[in-house]
Amino acid sequence: MRLLLAFIISGILAPGSLLVSSDAPNIVIFLVDDMGIMDTSVPFLTDAEGKPKRYPLNDFYRTPSMERLAGQGIRFNQFYAMSVCSPTRISIMTGQNAARHRTTNWINPDSDNAGPQGPPEWNWKGLKKGDVTLAGVLRDQDYRTIHVGKGHFGSREAEGADPANLGFEINIAGASIGAPGSYYGAQNFDRPKNPNGRGKGKGPDHAVHGLEKYHGQEIFLTEALTLEAKANVSAAVKEEKPFFLYFAHYAVHAPFNSDPRFAAHYQNSGKPEAAQAFATLVEGMDKSLGDMLDHFEALGIAENTLVLFLGDNGSDAPLGDQHVVACSEPLRGKKGSHYEGGVRVPFIAAWAKPNPGHPSQQRLPIAAGTIQGQVANVTDIFPTLVRMVSPESTGLTPGEHIVDGLPLDTLLSGRADPSHRDQFLMHYPHAVHRSNYFTTWRDGDWKVIYHTLPEVPTQGGFIQFEGGHYELFNLKSDPFEQKNLAETEREVLVRMMQGMVKELEDKGAVYPVGEDGKPLVPVVP
């Protein structure tokens, strides 16, 4: 069953509707850049009996803090994000699918990167002042809203470049850039400059701003951001304010600067140097998570602090081509891809210190040490948190802000939720990031991939997609997408394409354009 939720935010969360401030749960979204579901020692995938199954990559990475969090909470093995970063980040903030908010590609800070034949109506500038955002909703309910790390909500000259315009009272290091110039404080978190103004270091600003006090120091970016997050949480607690901490690490995005604290752990792994550096970024991020959990404990707020941990798109580990089984093994594909390795991300929800008797945890019970196998996605975070801070908001009134996601309450308890649809739409009408001009639609066990153009130009010639325009997989019998059933299951293909077209139309999606300037809408066979 398909359901769209709509809010008039002022009507549902009127001033004073929040729980008494001292009882309001603290909320942490711990977002990791470019971290896929296999970039961890925590096994998310399961065997036929639903038990966690380890794969070689689980033994390569070291993430003890993720193991700790997963042990005291629930992890999802079919949690979806958009295949590149800005679309996911805006979906978290709005509860809307990228096809609706129209930021369907990562945002180049300085130029419109719709790409050849990309839709001119796509939302390159991103979020703006006045947009309904999760941060704004919580700020209006007397939460201290804290942004630490990567923003990437808007282009450099747009309002969304500054998270302070989007409901965050505090912004540390958030801007239009999607990656740091450097992870090294000794390099001022900027890429090296070429004295003659040519080559490496020339071009737009990629420095991470707001961390000037760490310049020249032997400190890693991940650690500097963690210190800032801890300080701002401490300040909120001292002022007896509930807080919403959106902690969005630049890690584990390129450049793959090796974190010297962990480099020795991977030197004898047999992996390429860049992959070893990537693994140090993962472990440094994991240390940050553990430091934050310890900090909540030390402040005495852990039982009243909800932590949502996730990646923003599939893995970008430097271990192989995006269309093969490599960096997300056994899944196929990586960041930017239409395959599961491009859109499946780790998601863990847990109270920082489980206590079933705590009032906040009674309002939102979370199963401990459990794997949830039902499909969910990043648009579900917004309605889950809105409803948690305002339990009376179960009656939803049609209004100005459409939310595509559904609350996760039942799934977080470890139970199945028949009302929570097993569907996910990923729309990428662009040609500037690996896979090109595609839309994927998952409905139950089936997944269809539609290639607007069956072959796309590359520097070395053309990429030709198997099956031309269509790929069809049954993810129950073929979870690693090895057998394209588009030719043999024509009735299923037609039904799935009809469902995809309906979803795109309902969301007002924009499409690539043909040489005649007309939109190239999906074609049902």
Protein backbone atom coordinates (compact mmCIF):
# COMPACT_ATOMS: atom_id res chain seq x y z
CA MET A 1 0.00 0.00 0.00
CA ARG A 2 1.32 3.42 -0.96
CA LEU A 3 0.86 6.33 1.42
CA LEU A 4 1.99 9.93 1.36
CA LEU A 5 2.03 11.87 4.59
CA ALA A 6 1.54 15.64 4.62
CA PHE A 7 2.18 18.08 7.43
CA ILE A 8 1.24 21.59 8.27
CA ILE A 9 4.17 21.87 10.61
CA SER A 10 2.80 24.80 12.56
CA GLY A 11 -0.41 22.88 13.21
CA ILE A 12 1.20 19.65 14.35
CA LEU A 13 4.07 21.11 16.30
CA ALA A 14 2.60 24.27 17.68
CA PRO A 15 4.73 26.09 20.28
CA GLY A 16 4.34 24.37 23.61
CA SER A 17 3.36 21.01 22.11
CA LEU A 18 6.74 19.51 22.88
CA LEU A 19 7.38 17.30 25.87
CA VAL A 20 8.54 19.20 28.95
CA SER A 21 12.09 20.31 28.15
CA SER A 22 13.78 18.28 30.85
CA ASP A 23 12.10 15.12 29.51
CA ALA A 24 12.71 15.76 25.82
CA PRO A 25 15.03 13.15 24.32
CA ASN A 26 18.28 14.32 22.81
CA ILE A 27 18.70 13.32 19.16
CA VAL A 28 21.89 12.51 17.29
CA ILE A 29 22.14 11.81 13.58
CA PHE A 30 25.63 10.43 13.01
CA LEU A 31 26.08 10.56 9.25
CA VAL A 32 29.13 9.12 7.48
CA ASP A 33 30.04 10.25 3.98
CA ASP A 34 30.44 7.54 1.32
CA MET A 35 30.12 4.66 3.77
CA GLY A 36 28.45 1.59 2.34
CA ILE A 37 26.91 -1.34 4.12
CA MET A 38 30.08 -3.45 3.83
CA ASP A 39 32.59 -0.84 5.10
CA THR A 40 32.46 -2.16 8.66
CA SER A 41 33.26 -5.08 10.90
CA VAL A 42 29.55 -5.24 11.77
CA PRO A 43 27.83 -7.84 9.58
CA PHE A 44 24.61 -6.35 8.20
CA LEU A 45 23.82 -9.00 5.60
CA THR A 46 22.17 -12.22 6.73
CA ASP A 47 21.92 -15.86 5.73
CA ALA A 48 18.76 -17.75 4.78
CA GLU A 49 17.73 -17.99 8.45
CA GLY A 50 18.08 -14.23 8.98
CA LYS A 51 21.27 -14.56 11.05
CA PRO A 52 24.18 -12.18 10.46
CA LYS A 53 26.65 -13.47 7.91
CA ARG A 54 30.24 -12.27 7.75
CA TYR A 55 32.03 -11.60 4.48
CA PRO A 56 35.74 -10.87 3.86
CA LEU A 57 35.26 -7.10 4.02
CA ASN A 58 33.80 -7.42 7.52
CA ASP A 59 37.13 -8.87 8.58
CA PHE A 60 39.15 -6.15 6.86
CA TYR A 61 37.57 -3.15 8.62
CA ARG A 62 37.77 -2.36 12.35
CA THR A 63 34.70 -0.68 13.80
CA PRO A 64 34.35 -1.68 17.47
CA SER A 65 32.17 1.33 18.31
CA MET A 66 29.71 0.37 15.59
CA GLU A 67 29.70 -3.12 17.08
CA ARG A 68 28.94 -1.58 20.46
CA LEU A 69 26.10 0.50 19.05
CA ALA A 70 24.65 -2.42 17.09
CA GLY A 71 24.75 -4.59 20.19
CA GLN A 72 22.59 -2.19 22.13
CA GLY A 73 20.25 -1.31 19.27
CA ILE A 74 18.83 -2.48 15.97
CA ARG A 75 20.49 -2.50 12.57
CA PHE A 76 18.72 -2.59 9.20
CA ASN A 77 20.12 -4.67 6.37
CA GLN A 78 17.85 -3.20 3.68
CA PHE A 79 18.12 0.51 4.42
CA TYR A 80 18.34 2.73 1.36
CA ALA A 81 19.79 6.13 0.60
CA MET A 82 20.15 8.01 -2.67
CA SER A 83 23.23 6.93 -4.62
CA VAL A 84 25.06 10.27 -4.19
CA CYS A 85 25.34 12.63 -1.24
CA SER A 86 23.37 15.90 -1.61
CA PRO A 87 20.10 14.13 -2.53
CA THR A 88 20.32 11.99 0.61
CA ARG A 89 21.19 14.91 2.89
CA ILE A 90 18.23 16.93 1.71
CA SER A 91 15.97 13.87 2.01
CA ILE A 92 17.00 13.48 5.66
CA MET A 93 16.23 17.13 6.32
CA THR A 94 12.87 17.14 4.52
CA GLY A 95 11.53 13.58 4.55
CA GLN A 96 11.13 13.86 0.78
CA ASN A 97 12.38 11.61 -1.98
CA ALA A 98 14.93 13.27 -4.27
CA ALA A 99 12.50 13.00 -7.19
CA ARG A 100 10.26 15.40 -5.25
CA HIS A 101 12.79 17.91 -3.87
CA ARG A 102 14.63 17.72 -7.21
CA THR A 103 18.17 17.83 -5.92
CA THR A 104 18.82 14.68 -7.88
CA ASN A 105 22.60 14.99 -8.14
CA TRP A 106 25.47 15.94 -5.85
CA ILE A 107 25.79 19.72 -5.82
CA ASN A 108 28.84 21.19 -7.48
CA PRO A 109 29.45 24.32 -5.37
CA ASP A 110 30.40 26.54 -8.28
CA SER A 111 28.68 25.39 -11.45
CA ASP A 112 25.38 23.81 -12.44
CA ASN A 113 26.30 20.15 -12.91
CA ALA A 114 23.09 18.91 -14.49
CA GLY A 115 25.33 17.31 -17.11
CA PRO A 116 24.72 16.83 -20.82
CA GLN A 117 20.99 16.45 -21.42
CA GLY A 118 20.37 16.85 -17.67
CA PRO A 119 17.07 18.45 -16.63
CA PRO A 120 17.33 22.27 -16.52
CA GLU A 121 14.70 22.32 -13.74
CA TRP A 122 16.71 20.23 -11.29
CA ASN A 123 17.37 21.87 -7.92
CA TRP A 124 21.07 22.72 -8.15
CA LYS A 125 20.83 25.47 -5.51
CA GLY A 126 19.43 23.05 -2.94
CA LEU A 127 17.63 24.05 0.25
CA LYS A 128 16.78 27.67 0.99
CA LYS A 129 15.57 29.83 3.85
CA GLY A 130 11.97 29.08 4.73
CA ASP A 131 12.06 25.45 3.61
CA VAL A 132 10.67 23.02 6.16
CA THR A 133 13.62 21.12 7.62
CA LEU A 134 14.05 18.73 10.50
CA ALA A 135 16.46 21.17 12.13
CA GLY A 136 13.95 24.01 11.84
CA VAL A 137 11.13 21.95 13.29
CA LEU A 138 13.23 20.95 16.31
CA ARG A 139 14.62 24.46 16.78
CA ASP A 140 11.08 25.80 16.95
CA GLN A 141 10.40 23.28 19.70
CA ASP A 142 13.21 24.64 21.87
CA TYR A 143 15.88 22.17 20.82
CA ARG A 144 19.47 23.38 20.54
CA THR A 145 20.19 22.50 16.92
CA ILE A 146 23.87 21.79 16.25
CA HIS A 147 25.45 21.13 12.86
CA VAL A 148 28.97 19.70 12.86
CA GLY A 149 30.79 18.62 9.70
CA LYS A 150 29.74 18.40 6.08
CA GLY A 151 26.75 20.37 4.86
CA HIS A 152 26.50 20.18 1.05
CA PHE A 153 22.87 21.34 1.14
CA GLY A 154 23.32 24.05 -1.49
CA SER A 155 25.71 25.65 -3.97
CA ARG A 156 28.27 28.18 -2.82
CA GLU A 157 26.25 31.35 -3.45
CA ALA A 158 22.91 29.83 -2.43
CA GLU A 159 21.24 30.19 0.96
CA GLY A 160 21.55 26.46 1.61
CA ALA A 161 25.33 26.69 1.64
CA ASP A 162 25.11 27.83 5.27
CA PRO A 163 23.28 25.38 7.56
CA ALA A 164 22.49 28.35 9.82
CA ASN A 165 19.91 29.32 7.19
CA LEU A 166 18.23 25.92 7.46
CA GLY A 167 17.30 25.72 11.12
CA PHE A 168 20.66 25.11 12.76
CA GLU A 169 21.55 27.52 15.56
CA ILE A 170 25.18 26.39 15.51
CA ASN A 171 27.20 25.52 12.43
CA ILE A 172 30.68 24.08 12.71
CA ALA A 173 32.46 23.40 9.39
CA GLY A 174 29.34 23.09 7.24
CA ALA A 175 29.44 24.75 3.83
CA SER A 176 28.80 24.06 0.14
CA ILE A 177 31.81 21.80 -0.34
CA GLY A 178 31.31 18.05 -0.57
CA ALA A 179 34.81 17.01 0.42
CA PRO A 180 37.67 18.47 2.45
CA GLY A 181 40.76 19.83 0.79
CA SER A 182 42.73 17.78 3.31
CA TYR A 183 42.12 15.84 6.52
CA TYR A 184 45.33 17.20 8.04
CA GLY A 185 45.33 20.11 10.47
CA ALA A 186 48.96 20.71 9.54
CA GLN A 187 47.66 21.58 6.04
CA ASN A 188 44.85 23.75 7.46
CA PHE A 189 42.35 21.16 6.16
CA ASP A 190 42.94 22.49 2.63
CA ARG A 191 44.55 20.95 -0.40
CA PRO A 192 48.15 21.94 -1.08
CA LYS A 193 48.56 25.09 -3.12
CA ASN A 194 50.84 25.34 -6.13
CA PRO A 195 52.93 28.53 -5.88
CA ASN A 196 52.66 29.24 -9.61
CA GLY A 197 48.88 28.97 -9.53
CA ARG A 198 48.76 25.97 -11.84
CA GLY A 199 47.85 22.35 -11.38
CA LYS A 200 47.11 20.88 -8.01
CA GLY A 201 45.69 23.38 -5.58
CA LYS A 202 44.39 25.78 -8.19
CA GLY A 203 40.69 26.45 -8.37
CA PRO A 204 37.70 26.88 -6.03
CA ASP A 205 38.07 26.88 -2.28
CA HIS A 206 37.94 23.39 -0.74
CA ALA A 207 39.16 24.31 2.72
CA VAL A 208 37.06 23.25 5.69
CA HIS A 209 36.18 26.51 7.43
CA GLY A 210 35.39 27.13 11.09
CA LEU A 211 38.28 25.07 12.41
CA GLU A 212 40.99 27.73 12.27
CA LYS A 213 42.06 27.09 15.86
CA TYR A 214 43.37 23.68 14.76
CA HIS A 215 45.40 25.04 11.84
CA GLY A 216 49.02 24.00 11.86
CA GLN A 217 48.40 21.29 14.42
CA GLU A 218 49.09 17.59 14.04
CA ILE A 219 45.40 16.72 14.28
CA PHE A 220 43.12 14.81 11.95
CA LEU A 221 39.89 16.41 10.71
CA THR A 222 37.75 13.62 12.19
CA GLU A 223 39.20 14.27 15.64
CA ALA A 224 38.82 18.07 15.38
CA LEU A 225 35.14 17.71 14.50
CA THR A 226 34.63 15.31 17.40
CA LEU A 227 36.11 17.80 19.86
CA GLU A 228 33.76 20.49 18.53
CA ALA A 229 30.73 18.18 18.77
CA LYS A 230 31.56 17.26 22.37
CA ALA A 231 32.02 20.91 23.37
CA ASN A 232 28.69 21.99 21.89
CA VAL A 233 26.82 19.07 23.44
CA SER A 234 28.34 19.94 26.82
CA ALA A 235 27.21 23.54 26.46
CA ALA A 236 23.63 22.49 25.67
CA VAL A 237 23.51 20.15 28.65
CA LYS A 238 24.89 22.85 30.94
CA GLU A 239 22.06 25.14 29.79
CA GLU A 240 19.55 22.30 30.29
CA LYS A 241 18.55 22.36 26.65
CA PRO A 242 17.58 19.25 24.70
CA PHE A 243 19.79 19.05 21.64
CA PHE A 244 19.65 17.85 18.09
CA LEU A 245 23.19 17.05 16.96
CA TYR A 246 23.58 16.49 13.23
CA PHE A 247 27.13 15.16 13.15
CA ALA A 248 28.02 14.69 9.48
CA HIS A 249 31.59 13.51 9.09
CA TYR A 250 33.55 14.40 5.98
CA ALA A 251 35.08 10.95 6.41
CA VAL A 252 35.17 8.62 4.64
CA HIS A 253 35.04 10.70 1.45
CA ALA A 254 38.11 11.21 -0.75
CA PRO A 255 40.83 12.46 -0.58
CA PHE A 256 42.02 9.21 0.93
CA ASN A 257 44.45 10.75 3.41
CA SER A 258 45.70 8.08 5.75
CA ASP A 259 44.88 8.65 9.42
CA PRO A 260 48.25 8.00 11.09
CA ARG A 261 46.57 6.79 14.27
CA PHE A 262 45.41 3.63 12.52
CA ALA A 263 47.70 3.13 9.52
CA ALA A 264 49.63 0.24 11.08
CA HIS A 265 46.44 -1.83 11.31
CA TYR A 266 46.25 -2.24 7.51
CA GLN A 267 49.85 -2.27 6.30
CA ASN A 268 49.95 -6.04 5.91
CA SER A 269 46.43 -6.42 4.54
CA GLY A 270 47.47 -6.91 0.93
CA LYS A 271 45.08 -4.14 -0.10
CA PRO A 272 46.17 -1.18 -2.28
CA GLU A 273 47.56 1.86 -0.50
CA ALA A 274 44.44 3.93 -1.19
CA ALA A 275 42.23 1.17 0.23
CA GLN A 276 44.37 1.05 3.35
CA ALA A 277 43.97 4.82 3.76
CA PHE A 278 40.21 4.44 3.29
CA ALA A 279 40.16 1.86 6.08
CA THR A 280 41.94 4.31 8.41
CA LEU A 281 39.22 6.87 7.66
CA VAL A 282 36.61 4.26 8.61
CA GLU A 283 38.37 3.43 11.87
CA GLY A 284 38.85 7.10 12.74
CA MET A 285 35.15 7.71 12.19
CA ASP A 286 34.40 4.74 14.42
CA LYS A 287 36.60 6.14 17.19
CA SER A 288 34.62 9.36 16.94
CA LEU A 289 31.39 7.42 17.45
CA GLY A 290 32.82 5.72 20.53
CA ASP A 291 34.07 9.05 21.90
CA MET A 292 30.60 10.54 21.55
CA LEU A 293 28.94 7.58 23.27
CA ASP A 294 31.44 7.87 26.13
CA HIS A 295 30.77 11.60 26.34
CA PHE A 296 27.03 11.07 26.67
CA GLU A 297 27.71 8.63 29.48
CA ALA A 298 30.03 11.07 31.26
CA LEU A 299 27.40 13.82 31.04
CA GLY A 300 24.73 11.51 32.48
CA ILE A 301 22.46 11.88 29.44
CA ALA A 302 23.03 8.58 27.62
CA GLU A 303 19.70 7.03 28.61
CA ASN A 304 17.87 10.02 27.13
CA THR A 305 19.91 10.28 23.92
CA LEU A 306 18.79 8.61 20.71
CA VAL A 307 21.51 7.83 18.16
CA LEU A 308 20.79 7.19 14.50
CA PHE A 309 23.89 6.05 12.60
CA LEU A 310 23.93 5.83 8.80
CA GLY A 311 25.83 6.36 5.56
CA ASP A 312 24.72 8.81 2.89
CA ASN A 313 25.21 6.56 -0.16
CA GLY A 314 26.94 3.39 -1.21
CA SER A 315 30.62 2.72 -0.61
CA ASP A 316 33.33 4.58 -2.48
CA ALA A 317 36.15 2.34 -1.25
CA PRO A 318 38.94 2.29 -3.87
CA LEU A 319 38.63 -1.42 -4.53
CA GLY A 320 37.18 -1.72 -8.02
CA ASP A 321 34.81 -0.57 -10.74
CA GLN A 322 31.34 0.63 -9.82
CA HIS A 323 29.49 -2.03 -11.84
CA VAL A 324 31.25 -5.09 -10.46
CA VAL A 325 31.44 -6.97 -7.19
CA ALA A 326 34.40 -5.36 -5.44
CA CYS A 327 34.20 -2.59 -2.85
CA SER A 328 30.76 -3.71 -1.63
CA GLU A 329 31.33 -7.44 -1.99
CA PRO A 330 29.14 -9.49 -2.19
CA LEU A 331 26.88 -6.66 -3.38
CA ARG A 332 27.34 -5.32 -6.87
CA GLY A 333 28.23 -1.69 -7.51
CA LYS A 334 29.35 1.29 -5.46
CA LYS A 335 28.57 4.98 -4.92
CA GLY A 336 26.74 6.43 -7.91
CA SER A 337 25.66 3.03 -9.17
CA HIS A 338 22.14 1.79 -9.81
CA TYR A 339 23.01 -1.54 -8.17
CA GLU A 340 22.52 -2.34 -4.49
CA GLY A 341 26.10 -1.44 -3.60
CA GLY A 342 25.29 2.13 -4.63
CA VAL A 343 22.18 2.63 -2.52
CA ARG A 344 22.32 0.18 0.42
CA VAL A 345 23.81 1.82 3.52
CA PRO A 346 24.40 0.90 7.16
CA PHE A 347 21.69 2.09 9.52
CA ILE A 348 21.75 1.54 13.29
CA ALA A 349 19.29 3.00 15.79
CA ALA A 350 19.99 2.78 19.51
CA TRP A 351 19.64 4.61 22.76
CA ALA A 352 23.12 5.63 23.85
CA LYS A 353 22.53 3.62 27.04
CA PRO A 354 19.62 1.19 26.93
CA ASN A 355 17.19 1.30 29.86
CA PRO A 356 13.71 -0.02 29.01
CA GLY A 357 12.31 1.72 32.10
CA HIS A 358 13.35 5.20 30.99
CA PRO A 359 10.35 7.32 29.90
CA SER A 360 11.87 8.29 26.53
CA GLN A 361 12.76 4.69 25.78
CA GLN A 362 9.26 3.59 26.70
CA ARG A 363 7.91 6.08 24.16
CA LEU A 364 10.25 4.71 21.48
CA PRO A 365 11.34 1.16 22.34
CA ILE A 366 14.30 -0.11 20.35
CA ALA A 367 15.16 -3.80 20.17
CA ALA A 368 18.72 -4.59 21.27
CA GLY A 369 21.14 -6.69 19.24
CA THR A 370 18.58 -7.23 16.49
CA ILE A 371 18.60 -7.12 12.69
CA GLN A 372 15.57 -5.66 10.93
CA GLY A 373 15.10 -7.12 7.47
CA GLN A 374 12.28 -4.93 6.25
CA VAL A 375 12.93 -2.20 3.69
CA ALA A 376 13.28 1.38 4.95
CA ASN A 377 15.01 4.50 3.68
CA VAL A 378 16.32 7.94 4.54
CA THR A 379 12.97 9.70 4.04
CA ASP A 380 11.64 7.76 7.07
CA ILE A 381 13.90 9.62 9.51
CA PHE A 382 11.99 12.91 9.40
CA PRO A 383 8.54 11.55 10.34
CA THR A 384 10.04 9.23 12.96
CA LEU A 385 11.74 12.05 14.84
CA VAL A 386 8.89 14.52 14.45
CA ARG A 387 6.46 12.03 15.94
CA MET A 388 8.86 11.13 18.74
CA VAL A 389 9.17 14.70 20.01
CA SER A 390 5.44 15.30 19.64
CA PRO A 391 3.50 12.08 20.32
CA GLU A 392 0.15 13.79 19.77
CA SER A 393 1.02 14.38 16.11
CA THR A 394 -0.50 11.08 14.96
CA GLY A 395 -3.38 12.89 13.29
CA LEU A 396 -1.82 14.28 10.11
CA THR A 397 -3.51 17.07 8.24
CA PRO A 398 -2.93 17.63 4.51
CA GLY A 399 -0.93 20.77 4.07
CA GLU A 400 2.13 22.48 2.73
CA HIS A 401 4.97 20.04 3.30
CA ILE A 402 4.64 16.58 1.80
CA VAL A 403 6.62 13.82 3.50
CA ASP A 404 7.32 10.68 1.51
CA GLY A 405 8.68 8.69 4.44
CA LEU A 406 6.85 6.74 7.12
CA PRO A 407 7.59 6.48 10.87
CA LEU A 408 9.94 3.66 11.83
CA ASP A 409 8.52 3.09 15.32
CA THR A 410 7.28 -0.47 14.78
CA LEU A 411 10.37 -1.52 12.83
CA LEU A 412 12.66 -0.12 15.54
CA SER A 413 10.95 -2.35 18.06
CA GLY A 414 12.09 -5.35 16.04
CA ARG A 415 8.65 -6.25 14.72
CA ALA A 416 7.41 -6.34 11.14
CA ASP A 417 5.22 -3.47 10.00
CA PRO A 418 2.84 -4.40 7.15
CA SER A 419 1.87 -0.72 6.77
CA HIS A 420 5.46 0.30 6.03
CA ARG A 421 5.84 -0.23 2.30
CA ASP A 422 8.76 -2.26 0.96
CA GLN A 423 9.43 0.26 -1.79
CA PHE A 424 12.19 2.64 -2.79
CA LEU A 425 12.65 5.04 -5.71
CA MET A 426 16.06 6.28 -6.85
CA HIS A 427 15.96 8.80 -9.71
CA TYR A 428 19.18 10.03 -11.34
CA PRO A 429 18.49 12.02 -14.54
CA HIS A 430 22.13 13.06 -14.99
CA ALA A 431 25.28 11.94 -16.79
CA VAL A 432 28.15 13.15 -14.68
CA HIS A 433 28.74 10.46 -12.07
CA ARG A 434 29.51 6.87 -13.10
CA SER A 435 26.09 5.42 -13.92
CA ASN A 436 24.07 7.70 -16.13
CA TYR A 437 20.44 8.67 -16.72
CA PHE A 438 18.83 5.95 -14.64
CA THR A 439 15.89 5.34 -12.37
CA THR A 440 15.49 2.34 -10.07
CA TRP A 441 12.28 1.19 -8.43
CA ARG A 442 12.07 -1.46 -5.76
CA ASP A 443 8.70 -2.94 -4.89
CA GLY A 444 8.74 -5.96 -2.60
CA ASP A 445 11.20 -8.57 -3.82
CA TRP A 446 11.48 -7.01 -7.28
CA LYS A 447 13.73 -4.26 -8.54
CA VAL A 448 13.71 -2.67 -11.97
CA ILE A 449 16.44 -0.43 -13.38
CA TYR A 450 15.49 1.85 -16.26
CA HIS A 451 18.27 3.33 -18.37
CA THR A 452 16.96 6.41 -20.17
CA LEU A 453 19.67 5.83 -22.77
CA PRO A 454 20.72 2.20 -23.27
CA GLU A 455 24.30 3.33 -23.90
CA VAL A 456 26.12 6.42 -22.75
CA PRO A 457 29.36 8.00 -23.96
CA THR A 458 32.52 7.80 -21.85
CA GLN A 459 36.11 8.87 -22.45
CA GLY A 460 36.93 5.40 -23.70
CA GLY A 461 33.86 4.89 -25.89
CA PHE A 462 30.42 3.81 -24.69
CA ILE A 463 28.97 2.00 -21.69
CA GLN A 464 26.31 -0.42 -22.88
CA PHE A 465 23.90 -1.58 -20.23
CA GLU A 466 22.81 -5.20 -20.17
CA GLY A 467 19.28 -5.55 -21.42
CA GLY A 468 19.32 -2.15 -23.12
CA HIS A 469 16.85 0.08 -21.33
CA TYR A 470 15.76 -2.48 -18.72
CA GLU A 471 17.24 -4.60 -15.97
CA LEU A 472 15.01 -6.65 -13.68
CA PHE A 473 16.09 -8.56 -10.60
CA ASN A 474 14.37 -10.61 -7.94
CA LEU A 475 16.30 -9.62 -4.82
CA LYS A 476 14.92 -12.50 -2.78
CA SER A 477 16.31 -15.23 -5.03
CA ASP A 478 19.15 -13.13 -6.49
CA PRO A 479 20.23 -10.62 -3.80
CA PHE A 480 23.49 -9.82 -5.58
CA GLU A 481 21.85 -8.90 -8.93
CA GLN A 482 23.55 -11.44 -11.17
CA LYS A 483 20.64 -12.52 -13.39
CA ASN A 484 18.73 -9.98 -15.44
CA LEU A 485 15.14 -11.23 -15.86
CA ALA A 486 13.89 -8.42 -18.09
CA GLU A 487 13.43 -10.72 -21.09
CA THR A 488 11.94 -13.74 -19.32
CA GLU A 489 9.61 -11.98 -16.83
CA ARG A 490 7.88 -9.55 -19.16
CA GLU A 491 4.66 -9.27 -17.14
CA VAL A 492 6.61 -8.40 -14.01
CA LEU A 493 8.71 -5.90 -15.98
CA VAL A 494 5.61 -4.13 -17.28
CA ARG A 495 4.06 -3.99 -13.81
CA MET A 496 7.24 -2.68 -12.25
CA MET A 497 7.70 -0.03 -14.94
CA GLN A 498 4.11 1.08 -14.51
CA GLY A 499 4.73 1.46 -10.79
CA MET A 500 7.92 3.42 -11.43
CA VAL A 501 6.22 5.81 -13.83
CA LYS A 502 3.39 6.42 -11.36
CA GLU A 503 5.87 7.20 -8.56
CA LEU A 504 7.78 9.64 -10.73
CA GLU A 505 4.61 11.38 -11.88
CA ASP A 506 3.25 11.64 -8.34
CA LYS A 507 6.46 13.29 -7.18
CA GLY A 508 6.67 15.73 -10.07
CA ALA A 509 10.02 14.35 -11.20
CA VAL A 510 12.15 16.05 -13.83
CA TYR A 511 13.79 14.13 -16.66
CA PRO A 512 16.75 14.26 -19.01
CA VAL A 513 16.02 16.06 -22.26
CA GLY A 514 16.41 14.84 -25.81
CA GLU A 515 18.06 16.67 -28.64
CA ASP A 516 14.67 18.24 -29.39
CA GLY A 517 14.51 19.68 -25.85
CA LYS A 518 11.65 17.41 -24.80
CA PRO A 519 11.82 15.35 -21.60
CA LEU A 520 12.85 11.73 -21.97
CA VAL A 521 10.23 10.08 -19.79
CA PRO A 522 10.48 6.37 -18.97
CA VAL A 523 8.90 4.06 -21.49
CA VAL A 524 6.84 1.08 -20.35
CA PRO A 525 7.63 -1.87 -22.64
